[in-house]
Amino acid sequence: MRVLIASSSTIPGYSGGWTTPLDLLGTGHQAFYLISHCRPGLRRTEGVPYLGLGLRGRRFSRAFPERVRCKLERELVPRAIKQVFRRFKADFVMCLDEDAGLSAMKTGLPYVMRFHVDTRPDLRPQDLELLLKNALFSTACNSTSIPGAVTLFHNEDLSRFSFSGPAKPERALLLSVLNQQRRPLEFIEGVMSSRSMKGDIIGTGPMREEVAGKCAATEGRVRLLPPVSRLRTGELSGRYQIGVATLAPRDRPMYQMKINMYMASGMHVLTSPWTEAAHLAPDLVEIFRDTQELSEKMDDIQDNWEALEDRRRRARDWVNEQYSIETPRKIFNDLLTKHFPGRQVSS
């Protein structure tokens, strides 16, 4: 089937809003992205066309220019969805957030919701209820709280990652959005407090400049590297022996897809206690609560890496069983078959 994917802020080639929908659809469907806050223009990445509308702005600002931008977005996005839907000959619109969904709802076109994250705090309950009511169906990540939505793990195709052979841990990886919630500075401090660990940070975000400055002060021990695109993340396999998932404290556990990649690639996983992996598989990861514990865990893994080989292999088997891309693909395609009777839905 042909799917128009509508999103407010997906980064083509890099963000989870690009990786997980395309891996979910696989080769059985064709996709076209319409991204409101992406720079304007029609382009292609990985052979997938996308149209950026250039409607950047601060979502919660009350300034007059921002109110004008929001009004323009409410008027322009539905029109753009209609035009792209017709020209792409799409079968339905997949909306990755509530703003995209509300725009699609105005068009009267068939749409499905795929909540990548929780809805924004200022979304009115009545608007969410109407959005869900008019959607063909709604799915949500397991760490979100969307009433009535089908839980669908937002996962990538783990077959991209090869399980590396045993090696003495010498370099750690933080693959992350660089913002306050993900605490990248905690990773830098943990590496620098360890005896001899080196580390790389791969990602971008509002803290990138600050992180770059902190990394420069380590004189090469911790490096900040450019983001890696979806189809090239498999090249990270074998380069790192430890994968780290830092996270600010939360009321409920947060799903972090990077941990799946770490496990599939054979990395020893160090995670904050507020990730789902820390709750679902505590015997397969090392849990740390602060910088000191992070550095101590790094040292422990370096000292005992041979004894931890069995855990590393059990983690690989667990993640491939629990987070196989085939499971969400089947759920999603079964939903399509139900709502598009008579249409051939490929796996």
Protein backbone atom coordinates (compact mmCIF):
# COMPACT_ATOMS: atom_id res chain seq x y z
CA MET A 1 0.00 0.00 0.00
CA ARG A 2 1.00 3.63 -0.44
CA VAL A 3 1.35 5.53 2.82
CA LEU A 4 1.59 9.28 3.34
CA ILE A 5 3.42 9.79 6.65
CA ALA A 6 2.59 13.15 8.27
CA SER A 7 4.85 14.46 10.99
CA SER A 8 5.59 17.74 12.72
CA SER A 9 9.32 17.38 13.30
CA THR A 10 10.87 14.18 11.90
CA ILE A 11 14.52 14.50 10.82
CA PRO A 12 14.83 12.60 7.51
CA GLY A 13 17.33 9.77 7.69
CA TYR A 14 18.06 10.11 11.39
CA SER A 15 15.26 10.46 13.92
CA GLY A 16 13.07 7.73 15.35
CA GLY A 17 10.15 9.21 13.43
CA TRP A 18 11.99 8.21 10.26
CA THR A 19 13.55 4.91 11.30
CA THR A 20 10.69 3.16 13.05
CA PRO A 21 7.86 3.86 10.54
CA LEU A 22 9.99 2.84 7.56
CA ASP A 23 11.22 -0.31 9.30
CA LEU A 24 7.63 -1.05 10.33
CA LEU A 25 6.38 -0.71 6.75
CA GLY A 26 9.30 -2.71 5.36
CA THR A 27 9.38 -3.43 1.64
CA GLY A 28 5.68 -4.26 1.47
CA HIS A 29 4.58 -0.60 1.40
CA GLN A 30 5.68 2.66 -0.21
CA ALA A 31 6.04 5.84 1.84
CA PHE A 32 6.05 9.60 1.30
CA TYR A 33 6.77 12.00 4.16
CA LEU A 34 5.16 15.39 4.76
CA ILE A 35 7.07 17.18 7.55
CA SER A 36 5.77 20.51 8.85
CA HIS A 37 8.89 21.79 10.62
CA CYS A 38 11.44 20.52 8.10
CA ARG A 39 13.15 23.05 5.80
CA PRO A 40 10.94 23.74 2.79
CA GLY A 41 11.31 21.76 -0.40
CA LEU A 42 10.86 18.35 -2.01
CA ARG A 43 13.80 15.96 -1.50
CA ARG A 44 14.71 12.29 -1.16
CA THR A 45 16.62 10.41 1.50
CA GLU A 46 17.28 6.66 1.23
CA GLY A 47 15.08 6.73 -1.84
CA VAL A 48 12.09 7.96 0.20
CA PRO A 49 10.58 11.28 -0.96
CA TYR A 50 9.68 13.93 1.60
CA LEU A 51 8.23 17.42 1.48
CA GLY A 52 9.25 19.96 4.11
CA LEU A 53 6.95 22.92 4.78
CA GLY A 54 9.41 25.07 6.72
CA LEU A 55 6.99 25.90 9.56
CA ARG A 56 9.56 26.04 12.33
CA GLY A 57 8.70 27.60 15.65
CA ARG A 58 8.40 27.28 19.40
CA ARG A 59 5.35 25.20 20.19
CA PHE A 60 4.53 26.71 23.61
CA SER A 61 5.41 30.34 22.86
CA ARG A 62 2.63 32.93 23.14
CA ALA A 63 4.52 35.58 21.20
CA PHE A 64 2.62 37.18 18.32
CA PRO A 65 4.88 35.77 15.55
CA GLU A 66 4.42 32.28 16.97
CA ARG A 67 0.64 32.66 17.08
CA VAL A 68 0.74 33.68 13.43
CA ARG A 69 2.89 30.65 12.59
CA CYS A 70 0.50 28.32 14.41
CA LYS A 71 -2.46 29.78 12.51
CA LEU A 72 -0.58 29.35 9.25
CA GLU A 73 0.24 25.77 10.17
CA ARG A 74 -3.40 24.97 10.96
CA GLU A 75 -4.40 26.25 7.52
CA LEU A 76 -1.48 25.11 5.39
CA VAL A 77 -0.83 21.55 6.63
CA PRO A 78 -4.33 20.16 5.84
CA ARG A 79 -4.10 21.65 2.33
CA ALA A 80 -0.65 20.15 1.85
CA ILE A 81 -1.85 16.74 3.06
CA LYS A 82 -4.69 16.81 0.53
CA GLN A 83 -2.41 17.73 -2.36
CA VAL A 84 0.33 15.22 -1.55
CA PHE A 85 -2.23 12.49 -0.85
CA ARG A 86 -3.72 12.98 -4.29
CA ARG A 87 -0.43 13.25 -6.19
CA PHE A 88 1.19 10.32 -4.37
CA LYS A 89 -2.02 8.30 -4.81
CA ALA A 90 -1.83 7.33 -1.15
CA ASP A 91 -4.16 4.83 0.46
CA PHE A 92 -4.10 6.47 3.89
CA VAL A 93 -2.22 8.95 6.07
CA MET A 94 -0.08 7.74 8.97
CA CYS A 95 0.19 10.52 11.56
CA LEU A 96 3.11 10.44 13.99
CA ASP A 97 1.85 13.09 16.43
CA GLU A 98 -1.33 14.84 17.45
CA ASP A 99 -0.71 17.99 15.40
CA ALA A 100 -0.32 15.96 12.22
CA GLY A 101 -3.39 13.94 13.19
CA LEU A 102 -5.57 16.99 13.79
CA SER A 103 -4.54 18.33 10.38
CA ALA A 104 -5.33 15.01 8.67
CA MET A 105 -8.68 14.83 10.46
CA LYS A 106 -9.69 18.17 8.91
CA THR A 107 -9.16 16.78 5.42
CA GLY A 108 -11.64 13.92 5.76
CA LEU A 109 -9.03 11.52 4.35
CA PRO A 110 -8.50 8.10 5.94
CA TYR A 111 -5.80 8.33 8.59
CA VAL A 112 -4.24 6.22 11.32
CA MET A 113 -2.44 7.45 14.42
CA ARG A 114 0.97 6.18 15.43
CA PHE A 115 1.94 8.04 18.60
CA HIS A 116 5.72 8.04 18.77
CA VAL A 117 5.73 9.89 22.11
CA ASP A 118 3.17 11.16 24.62
CA THR A 119 0.88 13.95 23.52
CA ARG A 120 1.87 17.50 24.38
CA PRO A 121 0.72 18.84 27.78
CA ASP A 122 -1.62 21.50 26.37
CA LEU A 123 -3.65 19.12 24.15
CA ARG A 124 -7.28 19.31 25.22
CA PRO A 125 -8.81 15.95 26.23
CA GLN A 126 -11.77 16.55 23.91
CA ASP A 127 -9.42 17.06 20.97
CA LEU A 128 -7.58 13.81 21.72
CA GLU A 129 -10.89 11.97 22.04
CA LEU A 130 -12.06 13.31 18.69
CA LEU A 131 -8.71 12.49 17.08
CA LEU A 132 -8.86 8.88 18.23
CA LYS A 133 -12.54 8.51 17.36
CA ASN A 134 -12.05 9.55 13.73
CA ALA A 135 -8.88 7.55 13.10
CA LEU A 136 -9.19 4.17 11.37
CA PHE A 137 -7.09 2.86 14.24
CA SER A 138 -4.44 4.14 16.64
CA THR A 139 -1.18 2.63 17.82
CA ALA A 140 1.24 3.91 20.44
CA CYS A 141 4.65 3.11 21.85
CA ASN A 142 4.59 1.01 25.00
CA SER A 143 5.90 3.89 27.13
CA THR A 144 3.11 6.29 26.14
CA SER A 145 -0.34 6.57 27.72
CA ILE A 146 -2.86 6.87 24.89
CA PRO A 147 -6.29 5.48 25.83
CA GLY A 148 -7.50 2.74 23.51
CA ALA A 149 -4.41 2.70 21.30
CA VAL A 150 -2.90 -0.63 20.29
CA THR A 151 0.55 -1.05 21.85
CA LEU A 152 3.10 -1.32 19.07
CA PHE A 153 6.78 -1.41 19.96
CA HIS A 154 8.63 1.30 18.08
CA ASN A 155 11.55 -0.79 17.01
CA GLU A 156 14.06 -0.90 14.21
CA ASP A 157 15.10 -3.87 12.14
CA LEU A 158 17.70 -5.55 14.35
CA SER A 159 19.00 -7.62 11.45
CA ARG A 160 21.10 -4.57 10.54
CA PHE A 161 23.33 -5.23 13.55
CA SER A 162 25.89 -8.01 13.70
CA PHE A 163 26.84 -9.57 17.03
CA SER A 164 30.51 -8.85 17.61
CA GLY A 165 32.94 -11.31 19.11
CA PRO A 166 34.13 -10.98 22.71
CA ALA A 167 36.56 -8.13 23.28
CA LYS A 168 37.97 -6.30 26.27
CA PRO A 169 35.78 -3.21 26.83
CA GLU A 170 37.76 -0.14 25.88
CA ARG A 171 35.25 2.24 24.32
CA ALA A 172 31.68 3.14 25.30
CA LEU A 173 28.92 4.61 23.14
CA LEU A 174 26.10 7.03 23.89
CA LEU A 175 23.70 7.17 20.94
CA SER A 176 21.29 9.90 21.89
CA VAL A 177 19.32 13.05 21.28
CA LEU A 178 21.38 15.74 22.99
CA ASN A 179 18.95 17.36 25.40
CA GLN A 180 18.48 17.78 29.14
CA GLN A 181 16.20 14.76 29.42
CA ARG A 182 18.87 12.41 28.01
CA ARG A 183 21.70 13.85 30.17
CA PRO A 184 24.66 13.51 27.80
CA LEU A 185 26.97 15.35 30.22
CA GLU A 186 26.49 12.48 32.67
CA PHE A 187 28.07 10.17 30.12
CA ILE A 188 31.09 12.44 29.70
CA GLU A 189 31.60 12.69 33.46
CA GLY A 190 31.21 8.92 33.88
CA VAL A 191 33.83 8.15 31.23
CA MET A 192 36.27 10.70 32.63
CA SER A 193 35.83 9.37 36.19
CA SER A 194 36.56 5.80 35.11
CA ARG A 195 40.08 4.41 35.12
CA SER A 196 40.71 4.16 31.40
CA MET A 197 37.42 4.03 29.44
CA LYS A 198 37.09 6.08 26.26
CA GLY A 199 33.76 7.16 24.81
CA ASP A 200 31.91 8.48 21.78
CA ILE A 201 28.67 10.43 21.67
CA ILE A 202 26.68 10.17 18.45
CA GLY A 203 23.70 12.46 17.98
CA THR A 204 22.44 16.00 17.74
CA GLY A 205 20.03 18.25 19.59
CA PRO A 206 19.78 21.54 21.49
CA MET A 207 22.75 20.68 23.73
CA ARG A 208 25.15 19.80 20.91
CA GLU A 209 27.24 22.97 21.26
CA GLU A 210 27.56 22.53 25.03
CA VAL A 211 28.40 18.83 24.63
CA ALA A 212 31.01 19.71 21.99
CA GLY A 213 32.71 22.07 24.42
CA LYS A 214 32.77 19.48 27.21
CA CYS A 215 34.16 16.83 24.87
CA ALA A 216 36.88 19.18 23.62
CA ALA A 217 38.03 19.61 27.23
CA THR A 218 38.64 15.82 27.49
CA GLU A 219 41.43 16.06 24.89
CA GLY A 220 40.05 13.23 22.78
CA ARG A 221 39.05 10.79 25.47
CA VAL A 222 35.36 11.52 24.79
CA ARG A 223 34.48 12.44 21.22
CA LEU A 224 31.33 13.99 19.80
CA LEU A 225 30.60 12.45 16.39
CA PRO A 226 28.00 13.40 13.76
CA PRO A 227 24.63 11.60 13.71
CA VAL A 228 24.45 8.27 11.86
CA SER A 229 21.63 7.66 9.41
CA ARG A 230 19.19 4.78 9.74
CA LEU A 231 20.75 2.49 7.14
CA ARG A 232 24.28 3.08 8.44
CA THR A 233 23.74 2.36 12.14
CA GLY A 234 24.72 -1.25 11.45
CA GLU A 235 28.26 -0.01 10.81
CA LEU A 236 28.54 0.71 14.56
CA SER A 237 28.50 -3.02 15.29
CA GLY A 238 31.84 -4.13 16.66
CA ARG A 239 33.20 -0.62 17.25
CA TYR A 240 32.01 -0.39 20.85
CA GLN A 241 31.94 -2.81 23.76
CA ILE A 242 29.70 -0.81 26.14
CA GLY A 243 26.43 0.96 25.31
CA VAL A 244 25.13 3.60 27.72
CA ALA A 245 21.57 4.91 28.15
CA THR A 246 21.45 8.01 30.38
CA LEU A 247 18.08 9.45 31.33
CA ALA A 248 16.65 11.98 33.78
CA PRO A 249 14.35 10.58 36.55
CA ARG A 250 10.78 9.90 35.42
CA ASP A 251 7.45 8.93 36.97
CA ARG A 252 7.31 5.80 34.83
CA PRO A 253 9.88 3.84 32.82
CA MET A 254 10.78 5.11 29.37
CA TYR A 255 11.41 2.88 26.37
CA GLN A 256 14.79 3.63 24.79
CA MET A 257 15.28 1.91 21.45
CA LYS A 258 19.05 2.41 21.54
CA ILE A 259 19.30 -0.35 24.15
CA ASN A 260 17.93 -2.83 21.60
CA MET A 261 20.70 -1.87 19.19
CA TYR A 262 23.30 -2.14 21.94
CA MET A 263 22.19 -5.66 22.84
CA ALA A 264 21.87 -6.83 19.23
CA SER A 265 25.43 -5.61 18.56
CA GLY A 266 26.86 -7.40 21.58
CA MET A 267 27.55 -4.40 23.81
CA HIS A 268 27.44 -4.57 27.60
CA VAL A 269 24.54 -2.27 28.52
CA LEU A 270 24.69 0.39 31.24
CA THR A 271 21.34 2.08 31.85
CA SER A 272 19.61 4.52 34.15
CA PRO A 273 16.95 2.88 36.35
CA TRP A 274 14.20 4.82 34.58
CA THR A 275 14.39 2.87 31.31
CA GLU A 276 12.09 -0.04 30.51
CA ALA A 277 15.05 -2.35 30.05
CA ALA A 278 16.02 -1.81 33.70
CA HIS A 279 12.56 -3.08 34.71
CA LEU A 280 12.02 -5.80 32.11
CA ALA A 281 15.51 -7.33 32.03
CA PRO A 282 17.45 -6.24 35.13
CA ASP A 283 19.64 -9.36 34.94
CA LEU A 284 20.82 -8.42 31.43
CA VAL A 285 21.93 -4.83 32.10
CA GLU A 286 23.96 -2.86 34.63
CA ILE A 287 21.96 -0.12 36.38
CA PHE A 288 23.50 3.15 37.55
CA ARG A 289 21.92 6.14 39.32
CA ASP A 290 24.64 8.78 39.14
CA THR A 291 27.99 9.57 37.58
CA GLN A 292 29.96 7.76 40.26
CA GLU A 293 28.00 4.54 39.77
CA LEU A 294 28.36 4.88 36.00
CA SER A 295 32.16 5.07 36.23
CA GLU A 296 32.28 2.21 38.73
CA LYS A 297 30.17 0.00 36.45
CA MET A 298 32.51 0.76 33.55
CA ASP A 299 35.49 -0.28 35.63
CA ASP A 300 33.72 -3.44 36.81
CA ILE A 301 32.94 -4.49 33.25
CA GLN A 302 36.56 -3.92 32.24
CA ASP A 303 37.71 -6.08 35.16
CA ASN A 304 35.19 -8.90 34.63
CA TRP A 305 34.41 -8.84 30.92
CA GLU A 306 35.23 -12.50 30.37
CA ALA A 307 32.90 -13.60 33.18
CA LEU A 308 30.12 -11.44 31.67
CA GLU A 309 30.26 -13.10 28.25
CA ASP A 310 27.23 -15.31 28.98
CA ARG A 311 25.12 -12.30 29.93
CA ARG A 312 26.05 -10.52 26.72
CA ARG A 313 24.88 -13.49 24.66
CA ARG A 314 21.67 -13.90 26.67
CA ALA A 315 20.92 -10.22 26.08
CA ARG A 316 21.36 -10.74 22.32
CA ASP A 317 18.92 -13.66 22.33
CA TRP A 318 16.42 -11.81 24.53
CA VAL A 319 16.29 -8.64 22.46
CA ASN A 320 15.94 -10.51 19.17
CA GLU A 321 13.01 -12.47 20.59
CA GLN A 322 11.25 -9.64 22.42
CA TYR A 323 11.79 -6.87 19.88
CA SER A 324 11.72 -8.59 16.52
CA ILE A 325 10.45 -6.19 13.88
CA GLU A 326 8.24 -8.97 12.54
CA THR A 327 5.93 -8.75 15.57
CA PRO A 328 4.84 -5.10 15.13
CA ARG A 329 4.75 -5.58 11.35
CA LYS A 330 2.24 -8.41 11.71
CA ILE A 331 0.07 -6.43 14.15
CA PHE A 332 0.11 -3.39 11.87
CA ASN A 333 -0.63 -5.36 8.71
CA ASP A 334 -3.45 -7.22 10.44
CA LEU A 335 -5.00 -3.84 11.33
CA LEU A 336 -4.65 -2.71 7.71
CA THR A 337 -6.30 -5.89 6.46
CA LYS A 338 -9.21 -5.29 8.84
CA HIS A 339 -9.76 -1.69 7.76
CA PHE A 340 -8.97 -2.14 4.07
CA PRO A 341 -10.84 -5.35 3.20
CA GLY A 342 -10.10 -6.64 -0.25
CA ARG A 343 -6.78 -4.80 -0.46
CA GLN A 344 -3.60 -6.86 -0.61
CA VAL A 345 -1.37 -6.11 2.37
CA SER A 346 2.19 -7.37 1.99
CA SER A 347 4.33 -8.37 4.95
